[in-house]
């Protein structure tokens, strides 16, 4: 029997996303967000409170990078989510993260996170606080690749359990998509 948990958008797994932008002075800014994901073949969507420094930067630069946090950088990713860029201007450097300039968009790349999407801002709705970005390029560190494809056992991406406020690493492979259902 199922138990009602109320009106909660519990979709699992939920990726731990790190959104990076440039501040007006050219320094890197980043925030960790739990509300986001893929919304089309080449688009991502995130909910970013308009009071966040990241939202202001997105609107000014019309660009951002989106990294998926990994287990080796759990503390850094969590720090970027609990410290406000409005209060701590250099929180990326305080987190000890290496930064480089994107070749495709006007946004920083956080080199420590092994998977990064370079994005142009398509829209930001101030009522819903939903940002939509178009992915123009995806960068993957060679350390997480096997035969040119992302290998989750090497990557160890973090997911967020919003009900229990826990970080979880994805588990083992249990089947092959578009194959398992063929036996039915």
N, C-alpha and C. Protein backbone atom coordinates (compact mmCIF):
# COMPACT_ATOMS: atom_id res chain seq x y z
N UNK A 1 0.83 -1.18 0.00
CA UNK A 1 0.00 0.00 0.00
C UNK A 1 0.88 1.25 0.00
N UNK A 2 0.51 2.24 -0.78
CA UNK A 2 1.27 3.48 -0.86
C UNK A 2 0.77 4.47 0.18
N UNK A 3 1.71 5.25 0.72
CA UNK A 3 1.40 6.28 1.72
C UNK A 3 1.55 7.65 1.08
N UNK A 4 0.62 8.53 1.33
CA UNK A 4 0.69 9.89 0.80
C UNK A 4 1.79 10.68 1.50
N UNK A 5 2.63 11.33 0.72
CA UNK A 5 3.68 12.20 1.25
C UNK A 5 3.36 13.67 1.01
N UNK A 6 2.20 13.93 0.45
CA UNK A 6 1.79 15.31 0.21
C UNK A 6 2.24 15.82 -1.15
N UNK A 7 2.10 17.10 -1.33
CA UNK A 7 2.40 17.75 -2.59
C UNK A 7 3.90 18.07 -2.66
N UNK A 8 4.70 17.06 -2.99
CA UNK A 8 6.16 17.22 -3.05
C UNK A 8 6.67 16.69 -4.38
N UNK A 9 7.42 17.49 -5.13
CA UNK A 9 7.94 17.03 -6.42
C UNK A 9 9.19 16.15 -6.24
N UNK A 10 8.99 14.98 -5.68
CA UNK A 10 10.11 14.09 -5.41
C UNK A 10 10.43 13.25 -6.64
N UNK A 11 11.36 13.74 -7.43
CA UNK A 11 11.83 13.00 -8.60
C UNK A 11 13.27 12.59 -8.32
N UNK A 12 13.52 11.31 -8.39
CA UNK A 12 14.85 10.80 -8.07
C UNK A 12 15.46 10.13 -9.29
N UNK A 13 16.78 10.14 -9.47
CA UNK A 13 17.75 10.95 -8.72
C UNK A 13 17.73 12.40 -9.21
N UNK A 14 18.07 13.30 -8.34
CA UNK A 14 18.11 14.72 -8.64
C UNK A 14 19.57 15.14 -8.67
N UNK A 15 20.09 15.60 -9.82
CA UNK A 15 21.51 15.93 -9.89
C UNK A 15 21.86 17.14 -9.03
N UNK A 16 23.08 17.14 -8.52
CA UNK A 16 23.61 18.30 -7.81
C UNK A 16 24.29 19.16 -8.87
N UNK A 17 23.66 20.29 -9.18
CA UNK A 17 24.11 21.17 -10.25
C UNK A 17 24.87 22.36 -9.68
N UNK A 18 25.97 22.73 -10.33
CA UNK A 18 26.75 23.90 -9.93
C UNK A 18 26.73 24.86 -11.11
N UNK A 19 26.10 26.01 -10.90
CA UNK A 19 25.95 27.03 -11.94
C UNK A 19 27.03 28.09 -11.73
N UNK A 20 27.83 28.33 -12.76
CA UNK A 20 28.91 29.32 -12.65
C UNK A 20 28.69 30.47 -13.61
N UNK A 21 28.93 31.67 -13.12
CA UNK A 21 28.79 32.90 -13.89
C UNK A 21 29.94 33.82 -13.53
N UNK A 22 30.07 34.90 -14.28
CA UNK A 22 31.03 35.94 -13.92
C UNK A 22 30.30 37.07 -13.20
N UNK A 23 30.93 37.57 -12.14
CA UNK A 23 30.46 38.78 -11.47
C UNK A 23 30.77 39.98 -12.35
N UNK A 24 30.21 41.13 -12.00
CA UNK A 24 30.45 42.34 -12.79
C UNK A 24 31.92 42.74 -12.83
N UNK A 25 32.71 42.35 -11.82
CA UNK A 25 34.14 42.68 -11.82
C UNK A 25 35.00 41.62 -12.51
N UNK A 26 34.36 40.59 -13.10
CA UNK A 26 35.08 39.57 -13.84
C UNK A 26 35.51 38.36 -13.03
N UNK A 27 35.23 38.37 -11.71
CA UNK A 27 35.58 37.21 -10.90
C UNK A 27 34.51 36.13 -11.06
N UNK A 28 34.91 34.90 -10.79
CA UNK A 28 33.99 33.77 -10.92
C UNK A 28 33.04 33.70 -9.73
N UNK A 29 31.81 33.35 -10.01
CA UNK A 29 30.80 33.12 -8.99
C UNK A 29 30.16 31.77 -9.31
N UNK A 30 29.73 31.05 -8.28
CA UNK A 30 29.04 29.78 -8.52
C UNK A 30 28.08 29.51 -7.38
N UNK A 31 27.02 28.79 -7.71
CA UNK A 31 26.06 28.36 -6.70
C UNK A 31 25.64 26.94 -7.00
N UNK A 32 25.32 26.21 -5.97
CA UNK A 32 24.80 24.86 -6.13
C UNK A 32 23.28 24.94 -6.09
N UNK A 33 22.65 24.26 -7.04
CA UNK A 33 21.19 24.28 -7.15
C UNK A 33 20.68 22.86 -7.28
N UNK A 34 19.56 22.60 -6.64
CA UNK A 34 18.98 21.27 -6.72
C UNK A 34 17.81 21.22 -7.69
N UNK A 35 17.28 22.37 -8.08
CA UNK A 35 16.09 22.39 -8.92
C UNK A 35 16.46 22.64 -10.37
N UNK A 36 16.76 21.57 -11.10
CA UNK A 36 17.08 21.74 -12.49
C UNK A 36 17.25 20.42 -13.21
N UNK A 37 17.36 20.51 -14.52
CA UNK A 37 17.57 19.32 -15.31
C UNK A 37 17.42 19.60 -16.80
N UNK A 38 17.36 18.55 -17.57
CA UNK A 38 17.20 18.62 -19.01
C UNK A 38 15.75 18.99 -19.32
N UNK A 39 15.52 19.91 -20.29
CA UNK A 39 14.15 20.25 -20.65
C UNK A 39 13.91 20.16 -22.15
N UNK A 40 14.91 19.77 -22.93
CA UNK A 40 14.78 19.60 -24.36
C UNK A 40 16.08 18.94 -24.84
N UNK A 41 16.17 18.67 -26.12
CA UNK A 41 17.36 17.98 -26.64
C UNK A 41 18.65 18.77 -26.45
N UNK A 42 18.57 20.09 -26.44
CA UNK A 42 19.77 20.89 -26.25
C UNK A 42 19.58 21.99 -25.21
N UNK A 43 18.63 21.78 -24.30
CA UNK A 43 18.33 22.82 -23.32
C UNK A 43 18.29 22.26 -21.90
N UNK A 44 18.67 23.13 -20.96
CA UNK A 44 18.57 22.83 -19.54
C UNK A 44 17.71 23.89 -18.89
N UNK A 45 17.15 23.55 -17.76
CA UNK A 45 16.27 24.45 -17.03
C UNK A 45 16.62 24.38 -15.56
N UNK A 46 16.62 25.54 -14.90
CA UNK A 46 16.89 25.61 -13.47
C UNK A 46 16.00 26.66 -12.83
N UNK A 47 15.67 26.46 -11.58
CA UNK A 47 14.97 27.49 -10.81
C UNK A 47 16.03 28.20 -9.98
N UNK A 48 16.17 29.51 -10.22
CA UNK A 48 17.19 30.31 -9.52
C UNK A 48 16.49 31.54 -8.96
N UNK A 49 16.42 31.63 -7.66
CA UNK A 49 15.78 32.76 -6.99
C UNK A 49 16.39 34.07 -7.51
N UNK A 50 15.52 35.02 -7.87
CA UNK A 50 15.99 36.27 -8.46
C UNK A 50 16.86 37.09 -7.51
N UNK A 51 16.84 36.78 -6.22
CA UNK A 51 17.69 37.47 -5.27
C UNK A 51 19.12 36.95 -5.23
N UNK A 52 19.36 35.79 -5.85
CA UNK A 52 20.72 35.22 -5.87
C UNK A 52 21.63 36.03 -6.79
N UNK A 53 22.88 36.12 -6.40
CA UNK A 53 23.90 36.78 -7.22
C UNK A 53 23.96 36.11 -8.59
N UNK A 54 23.81 34.81 -8.64
CA UNK A 54 23.86 34.07 -9.90
C UNK A 54 22.78 34.53 -10.85
N UNK A 55 21.56 34.78 -10.38
CA UNK A 55 20.48 35.25 -11.25
C UNK A 55 20.84 36.61 -11.84
N UNK A 56 21.37 37.49 -11.03
CA UNK A 56 21.78 38.82 -11.51
C UNK A 56 22.87 38.70 -12.57
N UNK A 57 23.84 37.82 -12.32
CA UNK A 57 24.93 37.61 -13.28
C UNK A 57 24.42 37.01 -14.59
N UNK A 58 23.49 36.04 -14.48
CA UNK A 58 22.91 35.41 -15.68
C UNK A 58 22.27 36.47 -16.58
N UNK A 59 21.50 37.34 -15.96
CA UNK A 59 20.80 38.37 -16.73
C UNK A 59 21.78 39.38 -17.35
N UNK A 60 22.88 39.65 -16.66
CA UNK A 60 23.85 40.61 -17.18
C UNK A 60 24.70 40.01 -18.30
N UNK A 61 25.14 38.77 -18.14
CA UNK A 61 26.08 38.16 -19.11
C UNK A 61 25.40 37.27 -20.14
N UNK A 62 24.18 36.82 -19.86
CA UNK A 62 23.43 35.93 -20.77
C UNK A 62 24.17 34.62 -21.04
N UNK A 63 24.96 34.17 -20.06
CA UNK A 63 25.72 32.93 -20.23
C UNK A 63 26.04 32.33 -18.86
N UNK A 64 26.27 31.01 -18.86
CA UNK A 64 26.64 30.31 -17.64
C UNK A 64 27.23 28.95 -18.01
N UNK A 65 27.90 28.36 -17.06
CA UNK A 65 28.28 26.95 -17.20
C UNK A 65 27.53 26.18 -16.13
N UNK A 66 27.26 24.93 -16.44
CA UNK A 66 26.53 24.07 -15.53
C UNK A 66 27.36 22.81 -15.34
N UNK A 67 27.85 22.60 -14.13
CA UNK A 67 28.64 21.42 -13.82
C UNK A 67 27.82 20.47 -12.97
N UNK A 68 28.09 19.19 -13.11
CA UNK A 68 27.49 18.18 -12.26
C UNK A 68 28.52 17.89 -11.17
N UNK A 69 28.14 18.09 -9.92
CA UNK A 69 29.07 17.86 -8.81
C UNK A 69 29.37 16.36 -8.69
N UNK A 70 30.59 16.07 -8.27
CA UNK A 70 31.00 14.68 -8.09
C UNK A 70 31.43 14.45 -6.65
N UNK A 71 31.52 13.16 -6.27
CA UNK A 71 31.83 12.80 -4.90
C UNK A 71 33.14 13.40 -4.37
N UNK A 72 34.23 13.39 -5.16
CA UNK A 72 35.46 13.97 -4.62
C UNK A 72 35.35 15.45 -4.26
N UNK A 73 34.34 16.15 -4.76
CA UNK A 73 34.17 17.58 -4.49
C UNK A 73 32.86 17.88 -3.75
N UNK A 74 32.45 16.94 -2.93
CA UNK A 74 31.22 17.08 -2.15
C UNK A 74 31.24 18.33 -1.26
N UNK A 75 32.31 18.54 -0.52
CA UNK A 75 32.38 19.68 0.40
C UNK A 75 32.34 21.00 -0.35
N UNK A 76 33.05 21.07 -1.46
CA UNK A 76 33.08 22.30 -2.25
C UNK A 76 31.69 22.60 -2.82
N UNK A 77 31.03 21.57 -3.35
CA UNK A 77 29.69 21.76 -3.91
C UNK A 77 28.71 22.20 -2.83
N UNK A 78 28.78 21.60 -1.66
CA UNK A 78 27.89 21.97 -0.58
C UNK A 78 28.16 23.42 -0.13
N UNK A 79 29.43 23.79 -0.03
CA UNK A 79 29.81 25.15 0.35
C UNK A 79 29.20 26.17 -0.62
N UNK A 80 29.26 25.88 -1.92
CA UNK A 80 28.72 26.80 -2.92
C UNK A 80 27.21 26.95 -2.80
N UNK A 81 26.56 26.00 -2.15
CA UNK A 81 25.13 26.06 -1.96
C UNK A 81 24.71 26.73 -0.67
N UNK A 82 25.60 26.78 0.31
CA UNK A 82 25.22 27.35 1.61
C UNK A 82 25.75 28.76 1.84
N UNK A 83 26.67 29.21 0.97
CA UNK A 83 27.23 30.55 1.11
C UNK A 83 26.72 31.41 -0.04
N UNK A 84 26.25 32.59 0.27
CA UNK A 84 25.68 33.49 -0.74
C UNK A 84 26.76 34.33 -1.42
N UNK A 85 26.68 34.41 -2.73
CA UNK A 85 27.57 35.29 -3.49
C UNK A 85 27.28 36.76 -3.22
N UNK A 86 26.11 37.07 -2.67
CA UNK A 86 25.81 38.44 -2.29
C UNK A 86 26.60 38.86 -1.04
N UNK A 87 26.99 37.89 -0.21
CA UNK A 87 27.75 38.20 1.00
C UNK A 87 29.24 37.87 0.86
N UNK A 88 29.57 36.84 0.09
CA UNK A 88 30.97 36.41 -0.06
C UNK A 88 31.30 36.47 -1.55
N UNK A 89 31.96 37.55 -1.96
CA UNK A 89 32.22 37.79 -3.39
C UNK A 89 33.17 36.78 -4.00
N UNK A 90 34.08 36.25 -3.22
CA UNK A 90 35.10 35.33 -3.76
C UNK A 90 34.91 33.90 -3.27
N UNK A 91 33.66 33.46 -3.19
CA UNK A 91 33.40 32.13 -2.62
C UNK A 91 33.98 31.00 -3.46
N UNK A 92 34.14 31.18 -4.77
CA UNK A 92 34.76 30.14 -5.60
C UNK A 92 36.22 29.94 -5.19
N UNK A 93 36.94 31.02 -5.01
CA UNK A 93 38.34 30.89 -4.58
C UNK A 93 38.42 30.39 -3.14
N UNK A 94 37.48 30.80 -2.28
CA UNK A 94 37.47 30.29 -0.90
C UNK A 94 37.20 28.79 -0.85
N UNK A 95 36.47 28.29 -1.84
CA UNK A 95 36.22 26.85 -1.93
C UNK A 95 37.43 26.11 -2.47
N UNK A 96 38.42 26.85 -2.96
CA UNK A 96 39.64 26.24 -3.47
C UNK A 96 39.50 25.64 -4.87
N UNK A 97 38.55 26.16 -5.64
CA UNK A 97 38.29 25.61 -6.97
C UNK A 97 39.07 26.35 -8.05
N UNK A 98 39.61 25.59 -8.99
CA UNK A 98 40.34 26.16 -10.13
C UNK A 98 39.35 26.62 -11.18
N UNK A 99 39.64 27.76 -11.80
CA UNK A 99 38.74 28.36 -12.78
C UNK A 99 39.50 28.62 -14.08
N UNK A 100 38.83 28.38 -15.20
CA UNK A 100 39.35 28.80 -16.50
C UNK A 100 38.22 29.47 -17.26
N UNK A 101 38.57 30.14 -18.35
CA UNK A 101 37.58 30.86 -19.15
C UNK A 101 37.03 29.92 -20.22
N UNK A 102 35.73 29.91 -20.37
CA UNK A 102 35.10 29.14 -21.43
C UNK A 102 35.50 29.72 -22.78
N UNK A 103 35.68 28.85 -23.75
CA UNK A 103 35.98 29.29 -25.11
C UNK A 103 34.70 29.56 -25.90
N UNK A 104 33.54 29.16 -25.34
CA UNK A 104 32.28 29.23 -26.08
C UNK A 104 31.24 30.19 -25.54
N UNK A 105 31.30 30.49 -24.25
CA UNK A 105 30.35 31.42 -23.64
C UNK A 105 31.08 32.31 -22.65
N UNK A 106 30.46 33.42 -22.27
CA UNK A 106 31.10 34.33 -21.32
C UNK A 106 30.78 33.89 -19.89
N UNK A 107 31.45 32.78 -19.49
CA UNK A 107 31.23 32.20 -18.16
C UNK A 107 32.47 31.38 -17.78
N UNK A 108 32.69 31.22 -16.48
CA UNK A 108 33.85 30.45 -16.04
C UNK A 108 33.59 28.94 -16.07
N UNK A 109 34.66 28.19 -16.27
CA UNK A 109 34.61 26.74 -16.14
C UNK A 109 35.27 26.39 -14.81
N UNK A 110 34.56 25.62 -14.00
CA UNK A 110 35.12 25.14 -12.73
C UNK A 110 35.83 23.83 -13.04
N UNK A 111 37.15 23.91 -13.15
CA UNK A 111 37.96 22.79 -13.63
C UNK A 111 37.88 21.55 -12.75
N UNK A 112 37.59 21.71 -11.48
CA UNK A 112 37.58 20.57 -10.55
C UNK A 112 36.40 19.62 -10.79
N UNK A 113 35.31 20.14 -11.33
CA UNK A 113 34.16 19.28 -11.63
C UNK A 113 34.36 18.68 -13.02
N UNK A 114 34.28 17.36 -13.15
CA UNK A 114 34.68 16.73 -14.41
C UNK A 114 33.69 16.80 -15.58
N UNK A 115 32.47 17.28 -15.36
CA UNK A 115 31.50 17.39 -16.44
C UNK A 115 30.89 18.78 -16.40
N UNK A 116 31.02 19.52 -17.51
CA UNK A 116 30.54 20.89 -17.58
C UNK A 116 29.82 21.14 -18.89
N UNK A 117 28.66 21.79 -18.79
CA UNK A 117 27.90 22.22 -19.97
C UNK A 117 28.07 23.72 -20.10
N UNK A 118 28.47 24.18 -21.29
CA UNK A 118 28.61 25.60 -21.56
C UNK A 118 27.29 26.07 -22.19
N UNK A 119 26.68 27.10 -21.61
CA UNK A 119 25.31 27.46 -22.00
C UNK A 119 25.12 28.95 -22.24
N UNK A 120 24.27 29.25 -23.21
CA UNK A 120 23.75 30.61 -23.42
C UNK A 120 22.40 30.68 -22.74
N UNK A 121 22.13 31.78 -22.05
CA UNK A 121 20.82 31.98 -21.44
C UNK A 121 19.81 32.31 -22.53
N UNK A 122 18.75 31.52 -22.61
CA UNK A 122 17.67 31.78 -23.56
C UNK A 122 16.58 32.62 -22.93
N UNK A 123 16.26 32.33 -21.66
CA UNK A 123 15.20 33.09 -21.00
C UNK A 123 15.31 32.96 -19.49
N UNK A 124 14.76 33.96 -18.82
CA UNK A 124 14.62 33.93 -17.36
C UNK A 124 13.28 34.58 -17.03
N UNK A 125 12.41 33.81 -16.41
CA UNK A 125 11.09 34.29 -16.04
C UNK A 125 11.14 34.74 -14.58
N UNK A 126 10.98 36.02 -14.34
CA UNK A 126 11.09 36.54 -12.98
C UNK A 126 9.94 36.11 -12.08
N UNK A 127 8.82 35.71 -12.65
CA UNK A 127 7.69 35.24 -11.85
C UNK A 127 7.95 33.82 -11.34
N UNK A 128 8.34 32.94 -12.23
CA UNK A 128 8.60 31.54 -11.84
C UNK A 128 10.05 31.31 -11.43
N UNK A 129 10.91 32.27 -11.75
CA UNK A 129 12.36 32.20 -11.49
C UNK A 129 13.01 31.04 -12.23
N UNK A 130 12.45 30.70 -13.38
CA UNK A 130 12.97 29.60 -14.20
C UNK A 130 13.90 30.15 -15.28
N UNK A 131 15.12 29.65 -15.29
CA UNK A 131 16.10 29.99 -16.32
C UNK A 131 16.20 28.82 -17.29
N UNK A 132 16.24 29.14 -18.57
CA UNK A 132 16.44 28.11 -19.59
C UNK A 132 17.69 28.48 -20.37
N UNK A 133 18.56 27.51 -20.52
CA UNK A 133 19.79 27.73 -21.25
C UNK A 133 19.95 26.73 -22.38
N UNK A 134 20.61 27.18 -23.44
CA UNK A 134 20.92 26.29 -24.55
C UNK A 134 22.35 25.82 -24.40
N UNK A 135 22.54 24.51 -24.42
CA UNK A 135 23.88 23.93 -24.31
C UNK A 135 24.58 24.10 -25.65
N UNK A 136 25.71 24.80 -25.64
CA UNK A 136 26.47 24.98 -26.88
C UNK A 136 27.66 24.03 -26.96
N UNK A 137 28.07 23.51 -25.81
CA UNK A 137 29.18 22.56 -25.78
C UNK A 137 29.19 21.85 -24.43
N UNK A 138 29.65 20.61 -24.45
CA UNK A 138 29.80 19.83 -23.22
C UNK A 138 31.25 19.41 -23.10
N UNK A 139 31.83 19.63 -21.92
CA UNK A 139 33.21 19.27 -21.65
C UNK A 139 33.26 18.15 -20.62
N UNK A 140 34.01 17.10 -20.92
CA UNK A 140 34.17 15.99 -19.99
C UNK A 140 35.66 15.73 -19.79
N UNK A 141 36.07 15.66 -18.54
CA UNK A 141 37.45 15.34 -18.24
C UNK A 141 37.73 13.90 -18.69
N UNK A 142 38.89 13.69 -19.28
CA UNK A 142 39.24 12.36 -19.76
C UNK A 142 39.23 11.30 -18.65
N UNK A 143 39.39 11.74 -17.41
CA UNK A 143 39.44 10.79 -16.29
C UNK A 143 38.10 10.09 -16.06
N UNK A 144 37.01 10.63 -16.61
CA UNK A 144 35.70 9.99 -16.40
C UNK A 144 35.19 9.29 -17.67
N UNK A 145 36.04 9.19 -18.67
CA UNK A 145 35.64 8.59 -19.94
C UNK A 145 36.18 7.18 -20.10
N UNK A 146 35.39 6.33 -20.73
CA UNK A 146 35.81 5.02 -21.19
C UNK A 146 35.36 4.93 -22.65
N UNK A 147 36.31 4.75 -23.53
CA UNK A 147 36.03 4.69 -24.97
C UNK A 147 35.22 5.89 -25.44
N UNK A 148 35.56 7.07 -24.93
CA UNK A 148 34.93 8.31 -25.36
C UNK A 148 33.57 8.59 -24.77
N UNK A 149 33.10 7.74 -23.86
CA UNK A 149 31.79 7.93 -23.24
C UNK A 149 31.95 8.09 -21.73
N UNK A 150 31.01 8.82 -21.13
CA UNK A 150 31.06 9.01 -19.68
C UNK A 150 30.84 7.68 -19.00
N UNK A 151 31.70 7.39 -18.04
CA UNK A 151 31.66 6.15 -17.27
C UNK A 151 31.28 6.54 -15.84
N UNK A 152 30.04 6.23 -15.44
CA UNK A 152 29.56 6.65 -14.11
C UNK A 152 30.37 6.06 -12.97
N UNK A 153 31.00 4.90 -13.18
CA UNK A 153 31.83 4.33 -12.11
C UNK A 153 33.10 5.14 -11.89
N UNK A 154 33.53 5.84 -12.92
CA UNK A 154 34.69 6.74 -12.79
C UNK A 154 34.26 8.14 -12.34
N UNK A 155 33.11 8.57 -12.81
CA UNK A 155 32.61 9.92 -12.56
C UNK A 155 32.13 10.10 -11.11
N UNK A 156 31.31 9.21 -10.63
CA UNK A 156 30.72 9.28 -9.29
C UNK A 156 29.94 10.58 -9.05
N UNK A 157 28.93 10.85 -9.92
CA UNK A 157 28.15 12.08 -9.76
C UNK A 157 27.30 12.04 -8.50
N UNK A 158 27.15 13.22 -7.91
CA UNK A 158 26.31 13.34 -6.72
C UNK A 158 24.86 13.54 -7.12
N UNK A 159 23.96 12.97 -6.35
CA UNK A 159 22.55 13.28 -6.47
C UNK A 159 22.09 13.79 -5.10
N UNK A 160 20.97 14.50 -5.13
CA UNK A 160 20.44 15.10 -3.92
C UNK A 160 19.11 14.45 -3.56
N UNK A 161 18.99 14.03 -2.32
CA UNK A 161 17.74 13.49 -1.78
C UNK A 161 17.07 14.62 -1.02
N UNK A 162 16.12 15.30 -1.69
CA UNK A 162 15.48 16.47 -1.11
C UNK A 162 14.61 16.19 0.10
N UNK A 163 14.14 14.97 0.24
CA UNK A 163 13.30 14.65 1.38
C UNK A 163 14.12 14.49 2.66
N UNK A 164 15.30 13.88 2.53
CA UNK A 164 16.14 13.63 3.69
C UNK A 164 17.34 14.56 3.79
N UNK A 165 17.53 15.42 2.79
CA UNK A 165 18.66 16.35 2.72
C UNK A 165 19.99 15.62 2.75
N UNK A 166 20.08 14.56 1.94
CA UNK A 166 21.30 13.76 1.83
C UNK A 166 21.86 13.85 0.43
N UNK A 167 23.18 13.69 0.32
CA UNK A 167 23.84 13.50 -0.97
C UNK A 167 24.04 12.01 -1.17
N UNK A 168 23.80 11.53 -2.38
CA UNK A 168 23.89 10.11 -2.68
C UNK A 168 24.67 9.93 -3.98
N UNK A 169 25.51 8.92 -4.04
CA UNK A 169 26.23 8.57 -5.27
C UNK A 169 25.41 7.53 -6.01
N UNK A 170 25.33 7.66 -7.33
CA UNK A 170 24.60 6.69 -8.13
C UNK A 170 25.19 5.29 -7.96
N UNK A 171 24.35 4.29 -8.06
CA UNK A 171 24.76 2.90 -7.83
C UNK A 171 25.19 2.15 -9.07
N UNK A 172 25.02 0.86 -9.00
CA UNK A 172 25.51 -0.04 -10.04
C UNK A 172 24.59 -0.10 -11.26
N UNK A 173 25.14 -0.56 -12.38
CA UNK A 173 24.36 -0.78 -13.59
C UNK A 173 23.55 -2.06 -13.40
N UNK A 174 22.25 -1.99 -13.68
CA UNK A 174 21.38 -3.15 -13.49
C UNK A 174 20.68 -3.60 -14.77
N UNK A 175 20.89 -2.87 -15.86
CA UNK A 175 20.24 -3.24 -17.11
C UNK A 175 20.64 -2.31 -18.22
N UNK A 176 20.19 -2.61 -19.42
CA UNK A 176 20.50 -1.83 -20.61
C UNK A 176 19.21 -1.19 -21.13
N UNK A 177 19.22 0.14 -21.25
CA UNK A 177 18.05 0.86 -21.76
C UNK A 177 17.75 0.45 -23.20
N UNK A 178 16.49 0.40 -23.52
CA UNK A 178 15.99 0.05 -24.84
C UNK A 178 16.28 -1.42 -25.21
N UNK A 179 16.58 -2.22 -24.22
CA UNK A 179 16.82 -3.66 -24.45
C UNK A 179 16.01 -4.53 -23.50
N UNK A 180 15.97 -4.15 -22.23
CA UNK A 180 15.36 -4.99 -21.19
C UNK A 180 13.89 -5.27 -21.46
N UNK A 181 13.16 -4.29 -21.97
CA UNK A 181 11.73 -4.48 -22.21
C UNK A 181 11.40 -5.32 -23.42
N UNK A 182 12.39 -5.61 -24.25
CA UNK A 182 12.14 -6.41 -25.46
C UNK A 182 11.67 -7.82 -25.14
N UNK A 183 12.00 -8.33 -23.95
CA UNK A 183 11.60 -9.69 -23.60
C UNK A 183 10.10 -9.78 -23.31
N UNK A 184 9.44 -8.67 -23.13
CA UNK A 184 8.00 -8.66 -22.87
C UNK A 184 7.26 -8.67 -24.20
